[in-house]
Amino acid sequence: RRHSPFLHFTLHRHTIHLPSLNLPTQLHTSMNVAGPRTTRTPSGLVPPSPANGLTGDAASGSGNNNAADVDMYLETPAFELSLDEFEEYALARLKVLRKIEEMKTRNLPPDQFTSQLSASIKTNLNSTSKKVDIASHFILRAAYCRTEDLRRWFLAQECRLFRHRLDNCAKRSSDGLRDFLARNEFDLDRVQGREKERLRDKLLSVPGSPNPLEFNATEYYRVPFVQALELVSKRECFVEKGFAYVPLGRIVSIVAAKFRATLSKSLALA
């Protein structure tokens, strides 16, 4: 099967090819290439054992909704890949990212965008191992850091993918979102009872806020308003003395902004 144009990855004196955005180039990576070949089935790839470099939550995942399926990609992986795995993983993620670009171009309604993206993730990245997701992200990060246009494209699609997964995690379970925040050491200042009661009327006046019966059970967090600019611009949080008061369900916006800033910096330094 031929692809044009090609993106060349040279690894341990071997070269493999990936279809790319009209940019022939040669890249080098420190990721080891070894191990068994992946096998193909009608439903997709059968991933290898999750043991190489991944443990605990990072070694397992079920696709779209669990906190363990959402990753900030802060640490470069240290596991081995065969040449076949390297190419298969990269192509699998590229299909998802291009699907995101296609749907944004078509300006699909949010519900259709969500359902079709979930289906694409299930087809290409859904696995009992996080290895596929983590490896494919770092492979494409290396490929798309070469020019400003490529960095911009990769950043936009990865941020949409991250937001989709985190939204699903938050909608399914508040505990899942709390688990993600704890694992990634987000230092958020929770609003305590007395201050929360003092601001009760103002917090309830924010569009889309919980109803009065749910207010006591709703967790609010205080963050510098510059970290919540998206919510501020949409008037979806209360601001006082330079701080935004954000319910747990809307923390997703702040986490997504942090992910974008972190990935953008990593791409610029790569």
C-alpha atoms as a PDB file:
ATOM      1  CA  ARG A   1       0.000   0.000   0.000  1.00  0.00           C
ATOM      2  CA  ARG A   2       1.437   3.355  -1.031  1.00  0.00           C
ATOM      3  CA  HIS A   3       0.954   6.680   0.737  1.00  0.00           C
ATOM      4  CA  SER A   4       1.827  10.079  -0.656  1.00  0.00           C
ATOM      5  CA  PRO A   5       3.313  12.273   0.628  1.00  0.00           C
ATOM      6  CA  PHE A   6       5.485  10.463   3.172  1.00  0.00           C
ATOM      7  CA  LEU A   7       6.776  11.372   6.570  1.00  0.00           C
ATOM      8  CA  HIS A   8       9.963   9.441   7.331  1.00  0.00           C
ATOM      9  CA  PHE A   9      10.868   8.188  10.790  1.00  0.00           C
ATOM     10  CA  THR A  10      14.400   6.822  11.122  1.00  0.00           C
ATOM     11  CA  LEU A  11      14.712   4.519  14.110  1.00  0.00           C
ATOM     12  CA  HIS A  12      17.693   2.324  14.872  1.00  0.00           C
ATOM     13  CA  ARG A  13      18.680   2.275  11.178  1.00  0.00           C
ATOM     14  CA  HIS A  14      15.164   1.449  10.027  1.00  0.00           C
ATOM     15  CA  THR A  15      12.790   3.705   8.131  1.00  0.00           C
ATOM     16  CA  ILE A  16       9.013   3.585   8.137  1.00  0.00           C
ATOM     17  CA  HIS A  17       6.544   5.868   6.408  1.00  0.00           C
ATOM     18  CA  LEU A  18       3.514   7.780   7.612  1.00  0.00           C
ATOM     19  CA  PRO A  19       1.129   9.838   5.487  1.00  0.00           C
ATOM     20  CA  SER A  20       1.460  13.469   6.541  1.00  0.00           C
ATOM     21  CA  LEU A  21       0.442  17.007   5.680  1.00  0.00           C
ATOM     22  CA  ASN A  22       2.549  17.391   2.530  1.00  0.00           C
ATOM     23  CA  LEU A  23       5.783  17.591   4.506  1.00  0.00           C
ATOM     24  CA  PRO A  24       8.559  15.131   3.643  1.00  0.00           C
ATOM     25  CA  THR A  25      11.045  15.205   6.486  1.00  0.00           C
ATOM     26  CA  GLN A  26      13.264  12.917   8.517  1.00  0.00           C
ATOM     27  CA  LEU A  27      12.830  12.698  12.255  1.00  0.00           C
ATOM     28  CA  HIS A  28      14.662  10.917  15.047  1.00  0.00           C
ATOM     29  CA  THR A  29      13.214   9.665  18.302  1.00  0.00           C
ATOM     30  CA  SER A  30      14.642   8.030  21.403  1.00  0.00           C
ATOM     31  CA  MET A  31      11.732   5.620  21.721  1.00  0.00           C
ATOM     32  CA  ASN A  32      13.084   2.073  21.478  1.00  0.00           C
ATOM     33  CA  VAL A  33      11.911  -0.122  18.644  1.00  0.00           C
ATOM     34  CA  ALA A  34      11.742  -3.810  19.476  1.00  0.00           C
ATOM     35  CA  GLY A  35       9.321  -6.473  20.676  1.00  0.00           C
ATOM     36  CA  PRO A  36       6.708  -8.559  18.886  1.00  0.00           C
ATOM     37  CA  ARG A  37       4.728  -7.541  15.853  1.00  0.00           C
ATOM     38  CA  THR A  38       1.153  -6.447  16.357  1.00  0.00           C
ATOM     39  CA  THR A  39      -1.592  -8.623  14.921  1.00  0.00           C
ATOM     40  CA  ARG A  40      -4.574  -7.523  12.897  1.00  0.00           C
ATOM     41  CA  THR A  41      -8.164  -8.561  13.471  1.00  0.00           C
ATOM     42  CA  PRO A  42     -11.370  -7.388  11.745  1.00  0.00           C
ATOM     43  CA  SER A  43     -12.041  -5.098  14.710  1.00  0.00           C
ATOM     44  CA  GLY A  44      -8.599  -3.484  14.657  1.00  0.00           C
ATOM     45  CA  LEU A  45      -5.312  -3.903  16.483  1.00  0.00           C
ATOM     46  CA  VAL A  46      -4.603  -6.369  19.234  1.00  0.00           C
ATOM     47  CA  PRO A  47      -2.261  -4.352  21.457  1.00  0.00           C
ATOM     48  CA  PRO A  48       0.677  -5.904  23.235  1.00  0.00           C
ATOM     49  CA  SER A  49       0.945  -6.375  26.979  1.00  0.00           C
ATOM     50  CA  PRO A  50       0.630  -3.089  28.907  1.00  0.00           C
ATOM     51  CA  ALA A  51       3.650  -3.898  31.012  1.00  0.00           C
ATOM     52  CA  ASN A  52       6.291  -1.876  29.168  1.00  0.00           C
ATOM     53  CA  GLY A  53       6.648   1.367  31.047  1.00  0.00           C
ATOM     54  CA  LEU A  54       3.039   1.619  32.210  1.00  0.00           C
ATOM     55  CA  THR A  55       1.595   0.658  35.552  1.00  0.00           C
ATOM     56  CA  GLY A  56      -1.582   1.188  37.536  1.00  0.00           C
ATOM     57  CA  ASP A  57      -4.182   3.465  35.910  1.00  0.00           C
ATOM     58  CA  ALA A  58      -1.812   4.302  33.085  1.00  0.00           C
ATOM     59  CA  ALA A  59      -1.709   0.677  32.013  1.00  0.00           C
ATOM     60  CA  SER A  60      -5.430   0.305  31.414  1.00  0.00           C
ATOM     61  CA  GLY A  61      -8.288   2.187  29.881  1.00  0.00           C
ATOM     62  CA  SER A  62     -11.676   1.614  28.346  1.00  0.00           C
ATOM     63  CA  GLY A  63     -11.862   4.305  25.702  1.00  0.00           C
ATOM     64  CA  ASN A  64     -13.823   7.443  26.451  1.00  0.00           C
ATOM     65  CA  ASN A  65     -15.164   7.904  29.953  1.00  0.00           C
ATOM     66  CA  ASN A  66     -12.796   6.781  32.699  1.00  0.00           C
ATOM     67  CA  ALA A  67     -10.455   9.218  34.414  1.00  0.00           C
ATOM     68  CA  ALA A  68      -7.590   6.859  33.524  1.00  0.00           C
ATOM     69  CA  ASP A  69      -8.366   7.432  29.834  1.00  0.00           C
ATOM     70  CA  VAL A  70      -7.567  11.156  30.103  1.00  0.00           C
ATOM     71  CA  ASP A  71      -3.885  12.023  30.073  1.00  0.00           C
ATOM     72  CA  MET A  72      -1.925  15.280  30.242  1.00  0.00           C
ATOM     73  CA  TYR A  73       1.055  13.585  28.485  1.00  0.00           C
ATOM     74  CA  LEU A  74       3.566  15.193  30.822  1.00  0.00           C
ATOM     75  CA  GLU A  75       6.118  12.355  30.869  1.00  0.00           C
ATOM     76  CA  THR A  76       7.792  10.844  27.830  1.00  0.00           C
ATOM     77  CA  PRO A  77       7.095   7.081  27.774  1.00  0.00           C
ATOM     78  CA  ALA A  78       9.896   4.564  28.250  1.00  0.00           C
ATOM     79  CA  PHE A  79       8.638   1.380  26.632  1.00  0.00           C
ATOM     80  CA  GLU A  80       9.613  -0.587  23.541  1.00  0.00           C
ATOM     81  CA  LEU A  81       7.738  -0.612  20.246  1.00  0.00           C
ATOM     82  CA  SER A  82       8.195  -2.796  17.218  1.00  0.00           C
ATOM     83  CA  LEU A  83       8.340  -1.025  13.860  1.00  0.00           C
ATOM     84  CA  ASP A  84       4.864  -2.319  13.074  1.00  0.00           C
ATOM     85  CA  GLU A  85       3.488  -0.980  16.359  1.00  0.00           C
ATOM     86  CA  PHE A  86       5.146   2.381  15.777  1.00  0.00           C
ATOM     87  CA  GLU A  87       3.459   2.836  12.426  1.00  0.00           C
ATOM     88  CA  GLU A  88       0.107   1.345  13.418  1.00  0.00           C
ATOM     89  CA  TYR A  89      -0.222   3.489  16.555  1.00  0.00           C
ATOM     90  CA  ALA A  90       0.672   6.687  14.710  1.00  0.00           C
ATOM     91  CA  LEU A  91      -1.781   5.984  11.896  1.00  0.00           C
ATOM     92  CA  ALA A  92      -4.536   5.105  14.373  1.00  0.00           C
ATOM     93  CA  ARG A  93      -4.253   8.462  16.142  1.00  0.00           C
ATOM     94  CA  LEU A  94      -3.874  10.352  12.879  1.00  0.00           C
ATOM     95  CA  LYS A  95      -7.242   8.953  11.764  1.00  0.00           C
ATOM     96  CA  VAL A  96      -8.868  10.337  14.924  1.00  0.00           C
ATOM     97  CA  LEU A  97      -7.250  13.767  14.584  1.00  0.00           C
ATOM     98  CA  ARG A  98      -8.205  14.031  10.933  1.00  0.00           C
ATOM     99  CA  LYS A  99     -11.751  13.016  11.809  1.00  0.00           C
ATOM    100  CA  ILE A 100     -11.858  15.903  14.290  1.00  0.00           C
ATOM    101  CA  GLU A 101     -10.611  18.317  11.628  1.00  0.00           C
ATOM    102  CA  GLU A 102     -13.165  17.019   9.122  1.00  0.00           C
ATOM    103  CA  MET A 103     -16.080  17.416  11.562  1.00  0.00           C
ATOM    104  CA  LYS A 104     -15.025  20.943  12.541  1.00  0.00           C
ATOM    105  CA  THR A 105     -14.836  21.868   8.858  1.00  0.00           C
ATOM    106  CA  ARG A 106     -18.349  20.512   8.367  1.00  0.00           C
ATOM    107  CA  ASN A 107     -19.499  22.471  11.438  1.00  0.00           C
ATOM    108  CA  LEU A 108     -21.445  19.547  12.874  1.00  0.00           C
ATOM    109  CA  PRO A 109     -23.859  20.136  15.768  1.00  0.00           C
ATOM    110  CA  PRO A 110     -22.297  19.348  19.179  1.00  0.00           C
ATOM    111  CA  ASP A 111     -24.247  16.118  19.704  1.00  0.00           C
ATOM    112  CA  GLN A 112     -23.232  14.722  16.306  1.00  0.00           C
ATOM    113  CA  PHE A 113     -19.637  15.837  16.818  1.00  0.00           C
ATOM    114  CA  THR A 114     -19.520  14.061  20.175  1.00  0.00           C
ATOM    115  CA  SER A 115     -21.096  10.821  18.956  1.00  0.00           C
ATOM    116  CA  GLN A 116     -18.953  10.577  15.814  1.00  0.00           C
ATOM    117  CA  LEU A 117     -15.753  11.380  17.690  1.00  0.00           C
ATOM    118  CA  SER A 118     -16.572   8.744  20.308  1.00  0.00           C
ATOM    119  CA  ALA A 119     -17.078   6.227  17.513  1.00  0.00           C
ATOM    120  CA  SER A 120     -13.745   7.159  15.911  1.00  0.00           C
ATOM    121  CA  ILE A 121     -11.920   6.818  19.243  1.00  0.00           C
ATOM    122  CA  LYS A 122     -13.569   3.448  19.837  1.00  0.00           C
ATOM    123  CA  THR A 123     -12.526   2.225  16.403  1.00  0.00           C
ATOM    124  CA  ASN A 124      -8.950   3.483  16.438  1.00  0.00           C
ATOM    125  CA  LEU A 125      -7.750   4.119  20.004  1.00  0.00           C
ATOM    126  CA  ASN A 126     -10.010   2.064  22.239  1.00  0.00           C
ATOM    127  CA  SER A 127      -7.851  -0.515  23.981  1.00  0.00           C
ATOM    128  CA  THR A 128      -7.321  -2.369  27.233  1.00  0.00           C
ATOM    129  CA  SER A 129      -3.899  -0.699  27.311  1.00  0.00           C
ATOM    130  CA  LYS A 130      -2.966   2.977  27.545  1.00  0.00           C
ATOM    131  CA  LYS A 131       0.144   2.150  25.539  1.00  0.00           C
ATOM    132  CA  VAL A 132      -1.563   2.865  22.202  1.00  0.00           C
ATOM    133  CA  ASP A 133      -2.846   6.262  23.314  1.00  0.00           C
ATOM    134  CA  ILE A 134       0.347   7.470  24.972  1.00  0.00           C
ATOM    135  CA  ALA A 135       2.744   6.171  22.307  1.00  0.00           C
ATOM    136  CA  SER A 136       0.678   7.532  19.430  1.00  0.00           C
ATOM    137  CA  HIS A 137       0.494  10.979  21.028  1.00  0.00           C
ATOM    138  CA  PHE A 138       4.260  11.266  21.440  1.00  0.00           C
ATOM    139  CA  ILE A 139       4.989   9.856  17.980  1.00  0.00           C
ATOM    140  CA  LEU A 140       2.773  12.472  16.342  1.00  0.00           C
ATOM    141  CA  ARG A 141       4.049  15.191  18.665  1.00  0.00           C
ATOM    142  CA  ALA A 142       7.539  14.498  17.271  1.00  0.00           C
ATOM    143  CA  ALA A 143       6.202  14.569  13.720  1.00  0.00           C
ATOM    144  CA  TYR A 144       4.201  17.767  14.041  1.00  0.00           C
ATOM    145  CA  CYS A 145       6.654  19.982  15.932  1.00  0.00           C
ATOM    146  CA  ARG A 146       8.681  20.908  12.853  1.00  0.00           C
ATOM    147  CA  THR A 147       6.830  24.008  11.628  1.00  0.00           C
ATOM    148  CA  GLU A 148       4.402  26.551  13.034  1.00  0.00           C
ATOM    149  CA  ASP A 149       1.576  25.355  10.761  1.00  0.00           C
ATOM    150  CA  LEU A 150       2.016  21.730  11.821  1.00  0.00           C
ATOM    151  CA  ARG A 151       2.257  22.672  15.493  1.00  0.00           C
ATOM    152  CA  ARG A 152      -0.908  24.741  15.233  1.00  0.00           C
ATOM    153  CA  TRP A 153      -2.817  21.925  13.520  1.00  0.00           C
ATOM    154  CA  PHE A 154      -1.690  19.255  15.983  1.00  0.00           C
ATOM    155  CA  LEU A 155      -2.401  21.495  18.989  1.00  0.00           C
ATOM    156  CA  ALA A 156      -5.928  22.289  17.814  1.00  0.00           C
ATOM    157  CA  GLN A 157      -6.907  18.652  17.205  1.00  0.00           C
ATOM    158  CA  GLU A 158      -5.268  17.306  20.374  1.00  0.00           C
ATOM    159  CA  CYS A 159      -7.007  19.947  22.499  1.00  0.00           C
ATOM    160  CA  ARG A 160     -10.367  18.992  21.036  1.00  0.00           C
ATOM    161  CA  LEU A 161      -9.664  15.325  21.683  1.00  0.00           C
ATOM    162  CA  PHE A 162      -8.594  16.059  25.264  1.00  0.00           C
ATOM    163  CA  ARG A 163     -11.663  18.238  25.916  1.00  0.00           C
ATOM    164  CA  HIS A 164     -13.973  15.569  24.533  1.00  0.00           C
ATOM    165  CA  ARG A 165     -12.530  12.897  26.803  1.00  0.00           C
ATOM    166  CA  LEU A 166     -12.529  15.110  29.881  1.00  0.00           C
ATOM    167  CA  ASP A 167     -16.107  16.252  29.239  1.00  0.00           C
ATOM    168  CA  ASN A 168     -17.221  12.625  29.021  1.00  0.00           C
ATOM    169  CA  CYS A 169     -15.348  11.800  32.217  1.00  0.00           C
ATOM    170  CA  ALA A 170     -16.984  14.714  34.075  1.00  0.00           C
ATOM    171  CA  LYS A 171     -20.478  13.911  32.795  1.00  0.00           C
ATOM    172  CA  ARG A 172     -20.213  10.286  33.789  1.00  0.00           C
ATOM    173  CA  SER A 173     -18.951  10.830  37.326  1.00  0.00           C
ATOM    174  CA  SER A 174     -17.817  13.720  39.517  1.00  0.00           C
ATOM    175  CA  ASP A 175     -15.565  11.210  41.250  1.00  0.00           C
ATOM    176  CA  GLY A 176     -13.834  10.535  37.945  1.00  0.00           C
ATOM    177  CA  LEU A 177     -13.072  14.224  37.483  1.00  0.00           C
ATOM    178  CA  ARG A 178     -11.824  14.499  41.073  1.00  0.00           C
ATOM    179  CA  ASP A 179      -9.592  11.481  40.478  1.00  0.00           C
ATOM    180  CA  PHE A 180      -8.118  13.096  37.365  1.00  0.00           C
ATOM    181  CA  LEU A 181      -7.464  16.368  39.196  1.00  0.00           C
ATOM    182  CA  ALA A 182      -5.810  14.519  42.088  1.00  0.00           C
ATOM    183  CA  ARG A 183      -3.602  12.360  39.815  1.00  0.00           C
ATOM    184  CA  ASN A 184      -2.363  15.418  37.955  1.00  0.00           C
ATOM    185  CA  GLU A 185      -1.842  17.473  41.116  1.00  0.00           C
ATOM    186  CA  PHE A 186      -4.155  20.364  40.259  1.00  0.00           C
ATOM    187  CA  ASP A 187      -3.943  22.620  43.287  1.00  0.00           C
ATOM    188  CA  LEU A 188      -7.451  24.069  43.426  1.00  0.00           C
ATOM    189  CA  ASP A 189      -8.756  26.157  46.312  1.00  0.00           C
ATOM    190  CA  ARG A 190     -12.106  24.717  47.355  1.00  0.00           C
ATOM    191  CA  VAL A 191     -14.631  27.254  48.629  1.00  0.00           C
ATOM    192  CA  GLN A 192     -15.555  26.416  52.205  1.00  0.00           C
ATOM    193  CA  GLY A 193     -19.028  26.471  53.730  1.00  0.00           C
ATOM    194  CA  ARG A 194     -19.061  29.942  55.293  1.00  0.00           C
ATOM    195  CA  GLU A 195     -17.747  31.736  52.221  1.00  0.00           C
ATOM    196  CA  LYS A 196     -19.956  29.654  49.959  1.00  0.00           C
ATOM    197  CA  GLU A 197     -23.037  30.624  51.968  1.00  0.00           C
ATOM    198  CA  ARG A 198     -22.010  34.317  51.850  1.00  0.00           C
ATOM    199  CA  LEU A 199     -21.903  34.142  48.050  1.00  0.00           C
ATOM    200  CA  ARG A 200     -24.963  31.937  47.704  1.00  0.00           C
ATOM    201  CA  ASP A 201     -27.211  34.425  45.860  1.00  0.00           C
ATOM    202  CA  LYS A 202     -24.434  35.555  43.520  1.00  0.00           C
ATOM    203  CA  LEU A 203     -23.372  32.007  42.673  1.00  0.00           C
ATOM    204  CA  LEU A 204     -26.960  30.973  42.013  1.00  0.00           C
ATOM    205  CA  SER A 205     -27.470  33.983  39.725  1.00  0.00           C
ATOM    206  CA  VAL A 206     -24.842  32.727  37.260  1.00  0.00           C
ATOM    207  CA  PRO A 207     -26.526  31.271  34.128  1.00  0.00           C
ATOM    208  CA  GLY A 208     -26.594  27.490  34.201  1.00  0.00           C
ATOM    209  CA  SER A 209     -25.836  27.267  37.916  1.00  0.00           C
ATOM    210  CA  PRO A 210     -27.296  24.421  39.992  1.00  0.00           C
ATOM    211  CA  ASN A 211     -30.760  24.992  41.362  1.00  0.00           C
ATOM    212  CA  PRO A 212     -31.153  25.974  45.035  1.00  0.00           C
ATOM    213  CA  LEU A 213     -31.867  22.375  46.052  1.00  0.00           C
ATOM    214  CA  GLU A 214     -28.540  21.217  44.570  1.00  0.00           C
ATOM    215  CA  PHE A 215     -26.489  24.166  45.801  1.00  0.00           C
ATOM    216  CA  ASN A 216     -25.356  22.685  49.105  1.00  0.00           C
ATOM    217  CA  ALA A 217     -24.077  19.528  47.403  1.00  0.00           C
ATOM    218  CA  THR A 218     -22.235  21.442  44.656  1.00  0.00           C
ATOM    219  CA  GLU A 219     -18.497  21.954  45.073  1.00  0.00           C
ATOM    220  CA  TYR A 220     -17.104  25.367  44.144  1.00  0.00           C
ATOM    221  CA  TYR A 221     -13.473  26.286  43.575  1.00  0.00           C
ATOM    222  CA  ARG A 222     -11.758  29.669  43.626  1.00  0.00           C
ATOM    223  CA  VAL A 223      -9.155  30.262  40.923  1.00  0.00           C
ATOM    224  CA  PRO A 224      -7.424  33.390  39.543  1.00  0.00           C
ATOM    225  CA  PHE A 225      -9.775  34.753  36.894  1.00  0.00           C
ATOM    226  CA  VAL A 226      -7.004  34.672  34.250  1.00  0.00           C
ATOM    227  CA  GLN A 227      -7.193  30.862  34.440  1.00  0.00           C
ATOM    228  CA  ALA A 228     -10.922  30.952  33.697  1.00  0.00           C
ATOM    229  CA  LEU A 229     -11.064  33.399  30.798  1.00  0.00           C
ATOM    230  CA  GLU A 230     -13.308  31.145  28.711  1.00  0.00           C
ATOM    231  CA  LEU A 231     -15.865  30.963  31.529  1.00  0.00           C
ATOM    232  CA  VAL A 232     -15.555  34.688  32.232  1.00  0.00           C
ATOM    233  CA  SER A 233     -16.152  35.554  28.579  1.00  0.00           C
ATOM    234  CA  LYS A 234     -19.308  33.418  28.562  1.00  0.00           C
ATOM    235  CA  ARG A 235     -20.421  34.730  31.970  1.00  0.00           C
ATOM    236  CA  GLU A 236     -20.450  31.184  33.310  1.00  0.00           C
ATOM    237  CA  CYS A 237     -18.778  31.976  36.629  1.00  0.00           C
ATOM    238  CA  PHE A 238     -18.881  34.620  39.345  1.00  0.00           C
ATOM    239  CA  VAL A 239     -15.844  36.910  39.680  1.00  0.00           C
ATOM    240  CA  GLU A 240     -14.868  38.805  42.818  1.00  0.00           C
ATOM    241  CA  LYS A 241     -11.597  40.541  43.714  1.00  0.00           C
ATOM    242  CA  GLY A 242      -9.644  38.887  40.916  1.00  0.00           C
ATOM    243  CA  PHE A 243     -10.915  35.351  41.565  1.00  0.00           C
ATOM    244  CA  ALA A 244     -13.405  33.259  39.638  1.00  0.00           C
ATOM    245  CA  TYR A 245     -15.747  30.983  41.560  1.00  0.00           C
ATOM    246  CA  VAL A 246     -16.278  27.862  39.480  1.00  0.00           C
ATOM    247  CA  PRO A 247     -18.453  24.785  40.170  1.00  0.00           C
ATOM    248  CA  LEU A 248     -16.744  21.412  39.796  1.00  0.00           C
ATOM    249  CA  GLY A 249     -18.583  20.638  36.574  1.00  0.00           C
ATOM    250  CA  ARG A 250     -17.035  23.667  34.855  1.00  0.00           C
ATOM    251  CA  ILE A 251     -13.483  23.025  36.011  1.00  0.00           C
ATOM    252  CA  VAL A 252     -13.095  21.168  32.702  1.00  0.00           C
ATOM    253  CA  SER A 253     -12.618  24.516  30.953  1.00  0.00           C
ATOM    254  CA  ILE A 254      -9.707  25.441  33.241  1.00  0.00           C
ATOM    255  CA  VAL A 255      -8.056  22.029  32.865  1.00  0.00           C
ATOM    256  CA  ALA A 256      -8.382  22.218  29.070  1.00  0.00           C
ATOM    257  CA  ALA A 257      -6.711  25.632  29.058  1.00  0.00           C
ATOM    258  CA  LYS A 258      -3.853  24.227  31.147  1.00  0.00           C
ATOM    259  CA  PHE A 259      -3.490  21.298  28.739  1.00  0.00           C
ATOM    260  CA  ARG A 260      -3.323  23.664  25.751  1.00  0.00           C
ATOM    261  CA  ALA A 261      -0.670  25.843  27.388  1.00  0.00           C
ATOM    262  CA  THR A 262       1.428  22.847  28.431  1.00  0.00           C
ATOM    263  CA  LEU A 263       1.266  21.116  25.038  1.00  0.00           C
ATOM    264  CA  SER A 264       1.950  24.357  23.171  1.00  0.00           C
ATOM    265  CA  LYS A 265       5.097  24.908  25.221  1.00  0.00           C
ATOM    266  CA  SER A 266       6.231  21.309  24.691  1.00  0.00           C
ATOM    267  CA  LEU A 267       5.790  21.606  20.923  1.00  0.00           C
ATOM    268  CA  ALA A 268       7.742  24.852  20.818  1.00  0.00           C
ATOM    269  CA  LEU A 269      10.631  23.308  22.763  1.00  0.00           C
ATOM    270  CA  ALA A 270      10.656  19.982  20.892  1.00  0.00           C
END
